[in-house]
Amino acid sequence: MTSVLDQKRRVVLPRDVMEELGLGEGSEVEFEGRKGEVVLRKVEKKEDPLLRVMSWNPRRRGKVRPVKESEIKEVWR
């Protein structure tokens, strides 16, 4: 498989390579030079737990019901 650099030094990855690495639009890749070769690696993004919690959007369903005193005490046992 070969590809050609354009005027802006961009290269099109062959479909087989993209599928093998699981790449798609917006995927982040890393380049490493090794003795006259270039290694391309997919960057695995680690999920930030704080961002996950901050993006949580609860959707309430049903009606709010009053909580009994006994239910509140049960939580603290």
Protein backbone atom coordinates (compact mmCIF):
# COMPACT_ATOMS: atom_id res chain seq x y z
CA MET A 1 0.00 0.00 0.00
CA THR A 2 1.29 3.44 -0.86
CA SER A 3 0.04 6.98 -0.54
CA VAL A 4 1.31 10.42 -1.58
CA LEU A 5 1.79 13.55 0.52
CA ASP A 6 -0.12 16.61 -0.66
CA GLN A 7 1.09 20.24 -0.57
CA LYS A 8 0.16 20.55 3.12
CA ARG A 9 2.12 17.36 4.04
CA ARG A 10 -1.09 15.37 4.54
CA VAL A 11 -1.44 11.74 3.60
CA VAL A 12 -4.53 9.59 3.12
CA LEU A 13 -4.48 6.36 5.13
CA PRO A 14 -5.60 3.25 3.27
CA ARG A 15 -8.98 1.92 4.36
CA ASP A 16 -7.45 -1.41 5.45
CA VAL A 17 -5.09 0.38 7.86
CA MET A 18 -7.88 2.53 9.29
CA GLU A 19 -10.12 -0.48 9.84
CA GLU A 20 -7.33 -2.53 11.42
CA LEU A 21 -6.54 0.24 13.91
CA GLY A 22 -10.20 1.13 14.47
CA LEU A 23 -9.71 4.70 13.25
CA GLY A 24 -12.45 7.02 12.09
CA GLU A 25 -13.07 10.71 11.64
CA GLY A 26 -11.76 12.56 14.70
CA SER A 27 -9.54 9.69 15.87
CA GLU A 28 -6.29 10.78 17.46
CA VAL A 29 -3.06 9.18 16.23
CA GLU A 30 0.55 9.33 17.35
CA PHE A 31 3.64 9.28 15.10
CA GLU A 32 7.04 7.94 16.09
CA GLY A 33 10.16 8.07 13.93
CA ARG A 34 12.37 4.94 14.06
CA LYS A 35 15.55 4.67 11.99
CA GLY A 36 14.09 5.92 8.72
CA GLU A 37 10.58 4.57 9.39
CA VAL A 38 7.44 6.12 10.82
CA VAL A 39 5.21 4.23 13.23
CA LEU A 40 1.55 5.24 13.43
CA ARG A 41 -0.36 4.40 16.62
CA LYS A 42 -3.95 5.01 17.68
CA VAL A 43 -4.13 7.09 20.88
CA GLU A 44 -6.42 5.50 23.42
CA LYS A 45 -8.18 8.29 25.25
CA LYS A 46 -8.66 7.76 28.96
CA GLU A 47 -12.03 8.89 30.21
CA ASP A 48 -11.81 11.67 32.78
CA PRO A 49 -14.10 10.67 35.66
CA LEU A 50 -14.80 14.30 36.53
CA LEU A 51 -15.97 15.07 32.99
CA ARG A 52 -18.13 11.94 33.02
CA VAL A 53 -19.85 13.05 36.24
CA MET A 54 -20.21 16.65 35.07
CA SER A 55 -21.85 15.54 31.82
CA TRP A 56 -24.42 13.39 33.63
CA ASN A 57 -27.90 14.66 32.96
CA PRO A 58 -30.59 12.89 34.97
CA ARG A 59 -34.01 12.73 33.42
CA ARG A 60 -36.65 12.50 36.06
CA ARG A 61 -39.57 10.24 35.36
CA GLY A 62 -42.76 10.06 37.30
CA LYS A 63 -43.87 12.18 40.20
CA VAL A 64 -41.93 13.17 43.29
CA ARG A 65 -43.21 11.38 46.35
CA PRO A 66 -42.64 12.33 49.97
CA VAL A 67 -40.03 10.26 51.78
CA LYS A 68 -41.07 8.63 55.03
CA GLU A 69 -39.06 9.20 58.18
CA SER A 70 -38.48 5.45 58.52
CA GLU A 71 -36.93 5.34 55.03
CA ILE A 72 -34.50 8.13 55.94
CA LYS A 73 -33.52 6.37 59.18
CA GLU A 74 -32.93 3.12 57.23
CA VAL A 75 -30.32 4.86 55.09
CA TRP A 76 -28.26 5.79 58.16
CA ARG A 77 -28.26 2.32 59.73
